PDB file of all heavy atoms in Angstrom:
ATOM      1  N   LYS A   1      -4.787   8.269   3.845  1.00  0.00           N
ATOM      2  CA  LYS A   1      -3.397   8.446   4.282  1.00  0.00           C
ATOM      3  C   LYS A   1      -2.995   7.493   5.404  1.00  0.00           C
ATOM      4  O   LYS A   1      -1.863   6.983   5.407  1.00  0.00           O
ATOM      5  CB  LYS A   1      -3.153   9.891   4.702  1.00  0.00           C
ATOM      6  CG  LYS A   1      -1.674  10.215   4.883  1.00  0.00           C
ATOM      7  CD  LYS A   1      -1.463  11.708   5.106  1.00  0.00           C
ATOM      8  CE  LYS A   1       0.021  12.020   5.254  1.00  0.00           C
ATOM      9  NZ  LYS A   1       0.258  13.481   5.455  1.00  0.00           N
ATOM     10  N   PRO A   2      -3.864   7.200   6.392  1.00  0.00           N
ATOM     11  CA  PRO A   2      -3.468   6.250   7.441  1.00  0.00           C
ATOM     12  C   PRO A   2      -3.139   4.847   6.908  1.00  0.00           C
ATOM     13  O   PRO A   2      -2.512   4.053   7.608  1.00  0.00           O
ATOM     14  CB  PRO A   2      -4.685   6.210   8.369  1.00  0.00           C
ATOM     15  CG  PRO A   2      -5.376   7.511   8.139  1.00  0.00           C
ATOM     16  CD  PRO A   2      -5.175   7.805   6.679  1.00  0.00           C
ATOM     17  N   LEU A   3      -3.564   4.561   5.678  1.00  0.00           N
ATOM     18  CA  LEU A   3      -3.328   3.231   5.098  1.00  0.00           C
ATOM     19  C   LEU A   3      -2.075   3.183   4.248  1.00  0.00           C
ATOM     20  O   LEU A   3      -1.799   2.156   3.606  1.00  0.00           O
ATOM     21  CB  LEU A   3      -4.534   2.810   4.251  1.00  0.00           C
ATOM     22  CG  LEU A   3      -5.904   2.829   4.937  1.00  0.00           C
ATOM     23  CD1 LEU A   3      -6.979   2.338   3.981  1.00  0.00           C
ATOM     24  CD2 LEU A   3      -5.893   1.986   6.211  1.00  0.00           C
ATOM     25  N   HIS A   4      -1.285   4.238   4.237  1.00  0.00           N
ATOM     26  CA  HIS A   4      -0.108   4.299   3.376  1.00  0.00           C
ATOM     27  C   HIS A   4       1.126   3.616   3.966  1.00  0.00           C
ATOM     28  O   HIS A   4       2.245   3.937   3.587  1.00  0.00           O
ATOM     29  CB  HIS A   4       0.227   5.759   3.039  1.00  0.00           C
ATOM     30  CG  HIS A   4      -0.716   6.371   2.060  1.00  0.00           C
ATOM     31  ND1 HIS A   4      -0.664   7.699   1.681  1.00  0.00           N
ATOM     32  CD2 HIS A   4      -1.762   5.840   1.377  1.00  0.00           C
ATOM     33  CE1 HIS A   4      -1.625   7.955   0.810  1.00  0.00           C
ATOM     34  NE2 HIS A   4      -2.311   6.840   0.609  1.00  0.00           N
ATOM     35  N   HIS A   5       0.926   2.724   4.886  1.00  0.00           N
ATOM     36  CA  HIS A   5       2.046   1.931   5.399  1.00  0.00           C
ATOM     37  C   HIS A   5       2.327   0.807   4.396  1.00  0.00           C
ATOM     38  O   HIS A   5       1.394   0.176   3.893  1.00  0.00           O
ATOM     39  CB  HIS A   5       1.703   1.353   6.772  1.00  0.00           C
ATOM     40  CG  HIS A   5       2.860   0.715   7.475  1.00  0.00           C
ATOM     41  ND1 HIS A   5       3.340  -0.530   7.134  1.00  0.00           N
ATOM     42  CD2 HIS A   5       3.648   1.153   8.489  1.00  0.00           C
ATOM     43  CE1 HIS A   5       4.357  -0.840   7.924  1.00  0.00           C
ATOM     44  NE2 HIS A   5       4.566   0.170   8.755  1.00  0.00           N
ATOM     45  N   PRO A   6       3.595   0.528   4.081  1.00  0.00           N
ATOM     46  CA  PRO A   6       3.895  -0.471   3.047  1.00  0.00           C
ATOM     47  C   PRO A   6       3.337  -1.851   3.346  1.00  0.00           C
ATOM     48  O   PRO A   6       2.987  -2.589   2.412  1.00  0.00           O
ATOM     49  CB  PRO A   6       5.424  -0.478   2.981  1.00  0.00           C
ATOM     50  CG  PRO A   6       5.881   0.183   4.233  1.00  0.00           C
ATOM     51  CD  PRO A   6       4.815   1.169   4.587  1.00  0.00           C
ATOM     52  N   LEU A   7       3.243  -2.230   4.622  1.00  0.00           N
ATOM     53  CA  LEU A   7       2.686  -3.541   4.942  1.00  0.00           C
ATOM     54  C   LEU A   7       1.248  -3.644   4.462  1.00  0.00           C
ATOM     55  O   LEU A   7       0.857  -4.633   3.830  1.00  0.00           O
ATOM     56  CB  LEU A   7       2.762  -3.790   6.452  1.00  0.00           C
ATOM     57  CG  LEU A   7       2.163  -5.125   6.921  1.00  0.00           C
ATOM     58  CD1 LEU A   7       2.985  -6.292   6.387  1.00  0.00           C
ATOM     59  CD2 LEU A   7       2.069  -5.180   8.437  1.00  0.00           C
ATOM     60  N   LEU A   8       0.449  -2.612   4.741  1.00  0.00           N
ATOM     61  CA  LEU A   8      -0.942  -2.610   4.313  1.00  0.00           C
ATOM     62  C   LEU A   8      -1.053  -2.572   2.797  1.00  0.00           C
ATOM     63  O   LEU A   8      -1.813  -3.339   2.196  1.00  0.00           O
ATOM     64  CB  LEU A   8      -1.669  -1.403   4.914  1.00  0.00           C
ATOM     65  CG  LEU A   8      -2.029  -1.465   6.393  1.00  0.00           C
ATOM     66  CD1 LEU A   8      -2.668  -0.154   6.818  1.00  0.00           C
ATOM     67  CD2 LEU A   8      -2.957  -2.625   6.664  1.00  0.00           C
ATOM     68  N   MET A   9      -0.312  -1.675   2.173  1.00  0.00           N
ATOM     69  CA  MET A   9      -0.402  -1.535   0.715  1.00  0.00           C
ATOM     70  C   MET A   9       0.043  -2.815   0.024  1.00  0.00           C
ATOM     71  O   MET A   9      -0.514  -3.203  -1.014  1.00  0.00           O
ATOM     72  CB  MET A   9       0.420  -0.333   0.256  1.00  0.00           C
ATOM     73  CG  MET A   9      -0.094   0.995   0.791  1.00  0.00           C
ATOM     74  SD  MET A   9       0.710   2.437   0.031  1.00  0.00           S
ATOM     75  CE  MET A   9       2.402   2.224   0.608  1.00  0.00           C
ATOM     76  N   PHE A  10       1.026  -3.486   0.591  1.00  0.00           N
ATOM     77  CA  PHE A  10       1.474  -4.768   0.047  1.00  0.00           C
ATOM     78  C   PHE A  10       0.367  -5.810   0.131  1.00  0.00           C
ATOM     79  O   PHE A  10       0.090  -6.521  -0.845  1.00  0.00           O
ATOM     80  CB  PHE A  10       2.718  -5.241   0.810  1.00  0.00           C
ATOM     81  CG  PHE A  10       3.091  -6.671   0.548  1.00  0.00           C
ATOM     82  CD1 PHE A  10       3.656  -7.037  -0.671  1.00  0.00           C
ATOM     83  CD2 PHE A  10       2.888  -7.651   1.511  1.00  0.00           C
ATOM     84  CE1 PHE A  10       4.001  -8.359  -0.923  1.00  0.00           C
ATOM     85  CE2 PHE A  10       3.235  -8.967   1.264  1.00  0.00           C
ATOM     86  CZ  PHE A  10       3.786  -9.323   0.048  1.00  0.00           C
ATOM     87  N   TYR A  11      -0.291  -5.910   1.282  1.00  0.00           N
ATOM     88  CA  TYR A  11      -1.380  -6.878   1.420  1.00  0.00           C
ATOM     89  C   TYR A  11      -2.500  -6.590   0.421  1.00  0.00           C
ATOM     90  O   TYR A  11      -3.061  -7.510  -0.190  1.00  0.00           O
ATOM     91  CB  TYR A  11      -1.921  -6.846   2.851  1.00  0.00           C
ATOM     92  CG  TYR A  11      -1.262  -7.840   3.775  1.00  0.00           C
ATOM     93  CD1 TYR A  11       0.078  -7.705   4.126  1.00  0.00           C
ATOM     94  CD2 TYR A  11      -1.957  -8.912   4.308  1.00  0.00           C
ATOM     95  CE1 TYR A  11       0.694  -8.610   4.970  1.00  0.00           C
ATOM     96  CE2 TYR A  11      -1.357  -9.823   5.153  1.00  0.00           C
ATOM     97  CZ  TYR A  11      -0.021  -9.669   5.486  1.00  0.00           C
ATOM     98  OH  TYR A  11       0.570 -10.584   6.321  1.00  0.00           O
ATOM     99  N   PHE A  12      -2.831  -5.313   0.261  1.00  0.00           N
ATOM    100  CA  PHE A  12      -3.884  -4.964  -0.695  1.00  0.00           C
ATOM    101  C   PHE A  12      -3.479  -5.347  -2.118  1.00  0.00           C
ATOM    102  O   PHE A  12      -4.295  -5.847  -2.899  1.00  0.00           O
ATOM    103  CB  PHE A  12      -4.175  -3.469  -0.637  1.00  0.00           C
ATOM    104  CG  PHE A  12      -4.733  -2.986   0.679  1.00  0.00           C
ATOM    105  CD1 PHE A  12      -4.608  -1.659   1.056  1.00  0.00           C
ATOM    106  CD2 PHE A  12      -5.385  -3.848   1.546  1.00  0.00           C
ATOM    107  CE1 PHE A  12      -5.124  -1.191   2.248  1.00  0.00           C
ATOM    108  CE2 PHE A  12      -5.904  -3.405   2.755  1.00  0.00           C
ATOM    109  CZ  PHE A  12      -5.764  -2.071   3.110  1.00  0.00           C
ATOM    110  N   ALA A  13      -2.212  -5.092  -2.461  1.00  0.00           N
ATOM    111  CA  ALA A  13      -1.728  -5.400  -3.811  1.00  0.00           C
ATOM    112  C   ALA A  13      -1.724  -6.901  -4.061  1.00  0.00           C
ATOM    113  O   ALA A  13      -2.044  -7.359  -5.167  1.00  0.00           O
ATOM    114  CB  ALA A  13      -0.337  -4.809  -4.018  1.00  0.00           C
ATOM    115  N   VAL A  14      -1.376  -7.685  -3.046  1.00  0.00           N
ATOM    116  CA  VAL A  14      -1.391  -9.140  -3.199  1.00  0.00           C
ATOM    117  C   VAL A  14      -2.825  -9.634  -3.336  1.00  0.00           C
ATOM    118  O   VAL A  14      -3.102 -10.580  -4.092  1.00  0.00           O
ATOM    119  CB  VAL A  14      -0.677  -9.826  -2.026  1.00  0.00           C
ATOM    120  CG1 VAL A  14      -0.854 -11.339  -2.084  1.00  0.00           C
ATOM    121  CG2 VAL A  14       0.809  -9.488  -2.037  1.00  0.00           C
ATOM    122  N   TYR A  15      -3.745  -8.994  -2.623  1.00  0.00           N
ATOM    123  CA  TYR A  15      -5.156  -9.344  -2.797  1.00  0.00           C
ATOM    124  C   TYR A  15      -5.571  -9.175  -4.259  1.00  0.00           C
ATOM    125  O   TYR A  15      -6.286 -10.019  -4.814  1.00  0.00           O
ATOM    126  CB  TYR A  15      -6.040  -8.476  -1.903  1.00  0.00           C
ATOM    127  CG  TYR A  15      -7.520  -8.639  -2.188  1.00  0.00           C
ATOM    128  CD1 TYR A  15      -8.255  -9.664  -1.601  1.00  0.00           C
ATOM    129  CD2 TYR A  15      -8.190  -7.784  -3.070  1.00  0.00           C
ATOM    130  CE1 TYR A  15      -9.603  -9.835  -1.872  1.00  0.00           C
ATOM    131  CE2 TYR A  15      -9.533  -7.946  -3.354  1.00  0.00           C
ATOM    132  CZ  TYR A  15     -10.230  -8.972  -2.742  1.00  0.00           C
ATOM    133  OH  TYR A  15     -11.565  -9.147  -3.035  1.00  0.00           O
ATOM    134  N   LYS A  16      -5.140  -8.102  -4.870  1.00  0.00           N
ATOM    135  CA  LYS A  16      -5.448  -7.879  -6.281  1.00  0.00           C
ATOM    136  C   LYS A  16      -4.905  -9.027  -7.137  1.00  0.00           C
ATOM    137  O   LYS A  16      -5.594  -9.509  -8.046  1.00  0.00           O
ATOM    138  CB  LYS A  16      -4.871  -6.553  -6.768  1.00  0.00           C
ATOM    139  CG  LYS A  16      -5.100  -6.268  -8.253  1.00  0.00           C
ATOM    140  CD  LYS A  16      -4.434  -4.972  -8.681  1.00  0.00           C
ATOM    141  CE  LYS A  16      -4.722  -4.649 -10.144  1.00  0.00           C
ATOM    142  NZ  LYS A  16      -4.274  -5.716 -11.080  1.00  0.00           N
ATOM    143  N   CYS A  17      -3.689  -9.468  -6.854  1.00  0.00           N
ATOM    144  CA  CYS A  17      -3.106 -10.588  -7.595  1.00  0.00           C
ATOM    145  C   CYS A  17      -3.963 -11.838  -7.441  1.00  0.00           C
ATOM    146  O   CYS A  17      -4.260 -12.534  -8.429  1.00  0.00           O
ATOM    147  CB  CYS A  17      -1.687 -10.872  -7.104  1.00  0.00           C
ATOM    148  SG  CYS A  17      -0.486  -9.568  -7.414  1.00  0.00           S
ATOM    149  N   ALA A  18      -4.352 -12.136  -6.200  1.00  0.00           N
ATOM    150  CA  ALA A  18      -5.164 -13.318  -5.944  1.00  0.00           C
ATOM    151  C   ALA A  18      -6.541 -13.191  -6.589  1.00  0.00           C
ATOM    152  O   ALA A  18      -7.076 -14.161  -7.142  1.00  0.00           O
ATOM    153  CB  ALA A  18      -5.296 -13.541  -4.439  1.00  0.00           C
ATOM    154  N   ALA A  19      -7.127 -11.985  -6.534  1.00  0.00           N
ATOM    155  CA  ALA A  19      -8.448 -11.768  -7.126  1.00  0.00           C
ATOM    156  C   ALA A  19      -8.403 -11.935  -8.639  1.00  0.00           C
ATOM    157  O   ALA A  19      -9.284 -12.560  -9.232  1.00  0.00           O
ATOM    158  CB  ALA A  19      -8.958 -10.374  -6.762  1.00  0.00           C
ATOM    159  N   ASP A  20      -7.373 -11.396  -9.277  1.00  0.00           N
ATOM    160  CA  ASP A  20      -7.241 -11.523 -10.730  1.00  0.00           C
ATOM    161  C   ASP A  20      -7.052 -12.983 -11.128  1.00  0.00           C
ATOM    162  O   ASP A  20      -7.620 -13.456 -12.122  1.00  0.00           O
ATOM    163  CB  ASP A  20      -6.065 -10.692 -11.232  1.00  0.00           C
ATOM    164  CG  ASP A  20      -6.330  -9.194 -11.167  1.00  0.00           C
ATOM    165  OD1 ASP A  20      -7.509  -8.803 -11.043  1.00  0.00           O
ATOM    166  OD2 ASP A  20      -5.357  -8.421 -11.241  1.00  0.00           O
ATOM    167  N   ASN A  21      -6.253 -13.709 -10.350  1.00  0.00           N
ATOM    168  CA  ASN A  21      -6.038 -15.126 -10.629  1.00  0.00           C
ATOM    169  C   ASN A  21      -7.332 -15.911 -10.439  1.00  0.00           C
ATOM    170  O   ASN A  21      -7.666 -16.794 -11.239  1.00  0.00           O
ATOM    171  CB  ASN A  21      -4.939 -15.659  -9.713  1.00  0.00           C
ATOM    172  CG  ASN A  21      -4.657 -17.131  -9.939  1.00  0.00           C
ATOM    173  OD1 ASN A  21      -5.220 -17.990  -9.262  1.00  0.00           O
ATOM    174  ND2 ASN A  21      -3.794 -17.415 -10.901  1.00  0.00           N
ATOM    175  N   TYR A  22      -8.080 -15.579  -9.387  1.00  0.00           N
ATOM    176  CA  TYR A  22      -9.364 -16.232  -9.131  1.00  0.00           C
ATOM    177  C   TYR A  22     -10.335 -16.001 -10.281  1.00  0.00           C
ATOM    178  O   TYR A  22     -10.989 -16.944 -10.760  1.00  0.00           O
ATOM    179  CB  TYR A  22      -9.955 -15.698  -7.829  1.00  0.00           C
ATOM    180  CG  TYR A  22     -11.426 -15.990  -7.656  1.00  0.00           C
ATOM    181  CD1 TYR A  22     -11.866 -17.260  -7.291  1.00  0.00           C
ATOM    182  CD2 TYR A  22     -12.388 -14.999  -7.872  1.00  0.00           C
ATOM    183  CE1 TYR A  22     -13.223 -17.530  -7.145  1.00  0.00           C
ATOM    184  CE2 TYR A  22     -13.736 -15.257  -7.724  1.00  0.00           C
ATOM    185  CZ  TYR A  22     -14.147 -16.525  -7.359  1.00  0.00           C
ATOM    186  OH  TYR A  22     -15.484 -16.794  -7.227  1.00  0.00           O
ATOM    187  N   LEU A  23     -10.437 -14.763 -10.744  1.00  0.00           N
ATOM    188  CA  LEU A  23     -11.357 -14.457 -11.834  1.00  0.00           C
ATOM    189  C   LEU A  23     -10.984 -15.205 -13.109  1.00  0.00           C
ATOM    190  O   LEU A  23     -11.854 -15.679 -13.849  1.00  0.00           O
ATOM    191  CB  LEU A  23     -11.375 -12.951 -12.095  1.00  0.00           C
ATOM    192  CG  LEU A  23     -12.021 -12.094 -10.999  1.00  0.00           C
ATOM    193  CD1 LEU A  23     -11.836 -10.614 -11.301  1.00  0.00           C
ATOM    194  CD2 LEU A  23     -13.499 -12.432 -10.840  1.00  0.00           C
ATOM    195  N   GLU A  24      -9.695 -15.322 -13.353  1.00  0.00           N
ATOM    196  CA  GLU A  24      -9.233 -16.056 -14.532  1.00  0.00           C
ATOM    197  C   GLU A  24      -9.652 -17.519 -14.453  1.00  0.00           C
ATOM    198  O   GLU A  24     -10.142 -18.093 -15.436  1.00  0.00           O
ATOM    199  CB  GLU A  24      -7.712 -15.940 -14.633  1.00  0.00           C
ATOM    200  CG  GLU A  24      -7.114 -16.660 -15.822  1.00  0.00           C
ATOM    201  CD  GLU A  24      -5.602 -16.546 -15.881  1.00  0.00           C
ATOM    202  OE1 GLU A  24      -5.029 -15.705 -15.156  1.00  0.00           O
ATOM    203  OE2 GLU A  24      -4.976 -17.322 -16.637  1.00  0.00           O
ATOM    204  N   ASN A  25      -9.477 -18.129 -13.287  1.00  0.00           N
ATOM    205  CA  ASN A  25      -9.843 -19.536 -13.119  1.00  0.00           C
ATOM    206  C   ASN A  25     -11.349 -19.734 -13.084  1.00  0.00           C
ATOM    207  O   ASN A  25     -11.856 -20.758 -13.559  1.00  0.00           O
ATOM    208  CB  ASN A  25      -9.201 -20.089 -11.846  1.00  0.00           C
ATOM    209  CG  ASN A  25      -7.713 -20.337 -12.002  1.00  0.00           C
ATOM    210  OD1 ASN A  25      -7.294 -21.301 -12.630  1.00  0.00           O
ATOM    211  ND2 ASN A  25      -6.904 -19.451 -11.457  1.00  0.00           N
ATOM    212  N   LEU A  26     -12.062 -18.768 -12.541  1.00  0.00           N
ATOM    213  CA  LEU A  26     -13.518 -18.849 -12.525  1.00  0.00           C
ATOM    214  C   LEU A  26     -14.068 -18.871 -13.946  1.00  0.00           C
ATOM    215  O   LEU A  26     -14.943 -19.679 -14.279  1.00  0.00           O
ATOM    216  CB  LEU A  26     -14.080 -17.649 -11.758  1.00  0.00           C
ATOM    217  CG  LEU A  26     -15.605 -17.555 -11.655  1.00  0.00           C
ATOM    218  CD1 LEU A  26     -16.147 -18.652 -10.751  1.00  0.00           C
ATOM    219  CD2 LEU A  26     -16.015 -16.174 -11.109  1.00  0.00           C
ATOM    220  N   LYS A  27     -13.534 -17.997 -14.793  1.00  0.00           N
ATOM    221  CA  LYS A  27     -14.020 -17.913 -16.173  1.00  0.00           C
ATOM    222  C   LYS A  27     -13.652 -19.153 -16.990  1.00  0.00           C
ATOM    223  O   LYS A  27     -14.363 -19.513 -17.929  1.00  0.00           O
ATOM    224  CB  LYS A  27     -13.466 -16.655 -16.830  1.00  0.00           C
ATOM    225  CG  LYS A  27     -14.011 -15.364 -16.235  1.00  0.00           C
ATOM    226  CD  LYS A  27     -13.314 -14.140 -16.788  1.00  0.00           C
ATOM    227  CE  LYS A  27     -13.832 -12.867 -16.137  1.00  0.00           C
ATOM    228  NZ  LYS A  27     -13.118 -11.655 -16.600  1.00  0.00           N
ATOM    229  N   LYS A  28     -12.555 -19.809 -16.620  1.00  0.00           N
ATOM    230  CA  LYS A  28     -12.108 -20.982 -17.368  1.00  0.00           C
ATOM    231  C   LYS A  28     -12.835 -22.261 -16.955  1.00  0.00           C
ATOM    232  O   LYS A  28     -12.718 -23.280 -17.633  1.00  0.00           O
ATOM    233  CB  LYS A  28     -10.595 -21.185 -17.186  1.00  0.00           C
ATOM    234  CG  LYS A  28      -9.741 -20.159 -17.884  1.00  0.00           C
ATOM    235  CD  LYS A  28      -8.280 -20.567 -17.927  1.00  0.00           C
ATOM    236  CE  LYS A  28      -7.704 -20.843 -16.564  1.00  0.00           C
ATOM    237  NZ  LYS A  28      -6.231 -21.113 -16.622  1.00  0.00           N
ATOM    238  N   ASN A  29     -13.558 -22.220 -15.846  1.00  0.00           N
ATOM    239  CA  ASN A  29     -14.204 -23.423 -15.342  1.00  0.00           C
ATOM    240  C   ASN A  29     -15.503 -23.678 -16.107  1.00  0.00           C
ATOM    241  O   ASN A  29     -16.509 -22.996 -15.894  1.00  0.00           O
ATOM    242  CB  ASN A  29     -14.479 -23.291 -13.845  1.00  0.00           C
ATOM    243  CG  ASN A  29     -14.894 -24.610 -13.223  1.00  0.00           C
ATOM    244  OD1 ASN A  29     -15.967 -25.129 -13.506  1.00  0.00           O
ATOM    245  ND2 ASN A  29     -14.026 -25.146 -12.363  1.00  0.00           N
TER     246      ASN A  29
END
């Protein structure tokens, strides 16, 4: 619950975007 501030949740969600993009590029290399 202490992490339910939108700033934190936004950063976590963007991390997921970057991680998914990284995995896609890693597999294509």
